[in-house]
Amino acid sequence: MAVDRVMITEEVTWGKLVKSWATGENYMGPGTTAPSVPKTLQELKDQCAAFGVGLQLPDNITGLAVMQYSEETLALRLPPKSLIKKSEQNFKDNPGAAYPIPQFYDTFYGHAMPGGKDPMILHACRVGDYVVRNCY
């Protein structure tokens, strides 16, 4: 199935994986070391598969760049011009179209979640979402 944007089907697991890469601490489960930051797109795919993260990438994604900066640095991640224009055109062509928001926001802000609304789970989801959104 072709997708036009990065799709993550296990937001909590994805967020914990991202937090593991960012901190060097293991958020994936007790008894193992933290996964290493992937250096290639294949390493990213392999780690996602190993941890059960449902990762779907658009066909145009052929490389990987991982950046980590200090808290003293303002990082401006500029999205590709083509993605901004594509999104704008979609809204022009489809008046009233819904803006795509990941499902986990509904879970935390609109509906009851089994076991309560754990802020650490929301944090993992939000961190993971931030990493893959590209101004759609």
Protein backbone atom coordinates (compact mmCIF):
# COMPACT_ATOMS: atom_id res chain seq x y z
CA MET A 1 0.00 0.00 0.00
CA ALA A 2 1.47 3.34 -1.03
CA VAL A 3 1.39 6.13 1.55
CA ASP A 4 1.98 9.84 1.02
CA ARG A 5 3.30 10.57 4.51
CA VAL A 6 5.14 8.76 7.28
CA MET A 7 2.69 6.55 9.13
CA ILE A 8 3.31 5.10 12.60
CA THR A 9 0.77 2.59 13.88
CA GLU A 10 2.24 2.05 17.36
CA GLU A 11 2.72 5.60 18.63
CA VAL A 12 3.62 4.67 22.21
CA THR A 13 6.31 2.19 21.16
CA TRP A 14 7.64 4.60 18.54
CA GLY A 15 7.85 7.40 21.10
CA LYS A 16 9.69 5.17 23.56
CA LEU A 17 12.12 4.18 20.81
CA VAL A 18 12.79 7.85 19.98
CA LYS A 19 13.25 8.67 23.67
CA SER A 20 15.73 5.77 23.94
CA TRP A 21 17.77 7.15 21.03
CA ALA A 22 17.68 10.69 22.41
CA THR A 23 18.69 9.82 25.97
CA GLY A 24 20.75 6.66 25.61
CA GLU A 25 18.47 5.14 28.26
CA ASN A 26 16.33 2.08 27.60
CA TYR A 27 12.63 2.95 27.42
CA MET A 28 11.83 -0.26 25.53
CA GLY A 29 11.74 -2.63 28.49
CA PRO A 30 13.76 -3.89 31.41
CA GLY A 31 16.82 -6.06 31.07
CA THR A 32 18.22 -4.80 27.78
CA THR A 33 20.44 -1.96 26.69
CA ALA A 34 19.07 1.05 24.87
CA PRO A 35 18.81 0.65 21.10
CA SER A 36 21.48 2.55 19.19
CA VAL A 37 20.57 5.52 17.03
CA PRO A 38 20.01 4.22 13.49
CA LYS A 39 22.54 5.40 10.94
CA THR A 40 20.75 4.17 7.81
CA LEU A 41 17.16 3.90 6.67
CA GLN A 42 17.48 0.11 6.75
CA GLU A 43 18.64 0.22 10.39
CA LEU A 44 15.58 2.35 11.20
CA LYS A 45 13.28 -0.13 9.45
CA ASP A 46 14.96 -3.08 11.19
CA GLN A 47 14.62 -1.54 14.66
CA CYS A 48 10.99 -0.62 14.05
CA ALA A 49 10.26 -4.18 12.94
CA ALA A 50 12.12 -5.65 15.93
CA PHE A 51 10.10 -3.56 18.41
CA GLY A 52 6.76 -3.91 16.64
CA VAL A 53 6.51 -0.32 15.45
CA GLY A 54 4.30 -0.23 12.38
CA LEU A 55 6.32 2.09 10.13
CA GLN A 56 5.14 2.96 6.64
CA LEU A 57 7.18 5.33 4.50
CA PRO A 58 6.32 7.10 1.26
CA ASP A 59 8.18 5.72 -1.76
CA ASN A 60 10.16 8.95 -2.12
CA ILE A 61 11.92 8.39 1.25
CA THR A 62 15.31 6.89 0.40
CA GLY A 63 17.61 8.29 3.10
CA LEU A 64 17.80 9.08 6.79
CA ALA A 65 19.11 12.10 8.69
CA VAL A 66 19.14 12.00 12.48
CA MET A 67 19.93 15.26 14.23
CA GLN A 68 20.28 15.99 17.91
CA TYR A 69 21.10 19.44 19.21
CA SER A 70 21.67 20.98 22.62
CA GLU A 71 19.00 22.79 24.61
CA GLU A 72 20.96 26.01 24.03
CA THR A 73 20.41 25.74 20.26
CA LEU A 74 17.25 26.76 18.49
CA ALA A 75 16.76 24.17 15.76
CA LEU A 76 14.52 25.25 12.92
CA ARG A 77 13.55 22.14 10.96
CA LEU A 78 12.37 23.55 7.66
CA PRO A 79 10.03 21.18 5.84
CA PRO A 80 10.48 20.50 2.14
CA LYS A 81 8.79 23.13 -0.03
CA SER A 82 7.07 20.38 -2.01
CA LEU A 83 5.29 19.06 1.11
CA ILE A 84 3.99 22.49 2.09
CA LYS A 85 2.71 23.09 -1.44
CA LYS A 86 1.16 19.61 -1.63
CA SER A 87 -0.69 20.12 1.63
CA GLU A 88 -1.90 23.59 0.62
CA GLN A 89 -3.14 22.26 -2.72
CA ASN A 90 -4.98 19.41 -1.01
CA PHE A 91 -6.92 21.90 1.14
CA LYS A 92 -7.68 24.08 -1.90
CA ASP A 93 -8.89 21.06 -3.85
CA ASN A 94 -10.88 19.63 -0.95
CA PRO A 95 -12.73 22.40 0.89
CA GLY A 96 -13.66 21.28 4.39
CA ALA A 97 -11.08 18.50 4.40
CA ALA A 98 -10.00 17.50 7.89
CA TYR A 99 -6.47 18.25 8.97
CA PRO A 100 -4.83 14.89 9.76
CA ILE A 101 -4.14 14.62 13.49
CA PRO A 102 -2.71 11.39 14.96
CA GLN A 103 -5.28 9.28 16.78
CA PHE A 104 -3.48 9.46 20.12
CA TYR A 105 -4.56 13.09 20.56
CA ASP A 106 -8.21 11.96 20.63
CA THR A 107 -7.27 9.33 23.19
CA PHE A 108 -5.76 11.87 25.54
CA TYR A 109 -7.96 14.88 24.94
CA GLY A 110 -11.34 13.50 24.04
CA HIS A 111 -11.94 9.96 25.17
CA ALA A 112 -11.29 7.75 28.15
CA MET A 113 -8.17 5.65 27.94
CA PRO A 114 -7.93 2.27 29.62
CA GLY A 115 -5.79 2.63 32.72
CA GLY A 116 -6.13 6.41 32.81
CA LYS A 117 -4.38 9.17 30.91
CA ASP A 118 -0.75 8.52 31.80
CA PRO A 119 1.27 11.65 30.97
CA MET A 120 4.37 9.53 30.28
CA ILE A 121 2.51 7.69 27.53
CA LEU A 122 1.31 11.00 26.07
CA HIS A 123 4.89 12.30 26.27
CA ALA A 124 6.22 9.29 24.37
CA CYS A 125 3.53 9.68 21.70
CA ARG A 126 4.13 13.42 21.33
CA VAL A 127 7.92 13.05 21.11
CA GLY A 128 7.55 10.36 18.46
CA ASP A 129 5.02 12.40 16.51
CA TYR A 130 7.21 15.50 16.55
CA VAL A 131 10.10 13.56 15.03
CA VAL A 132 8.21 12.40 11.92
CA ARG A 133 5.81 15.25 11.08
CA ASN A 134 6.93 17.40 8.22
CA CYS A 135 4.48 20.29 7.91
CA TYR A 136 1.61 18.32 6.39
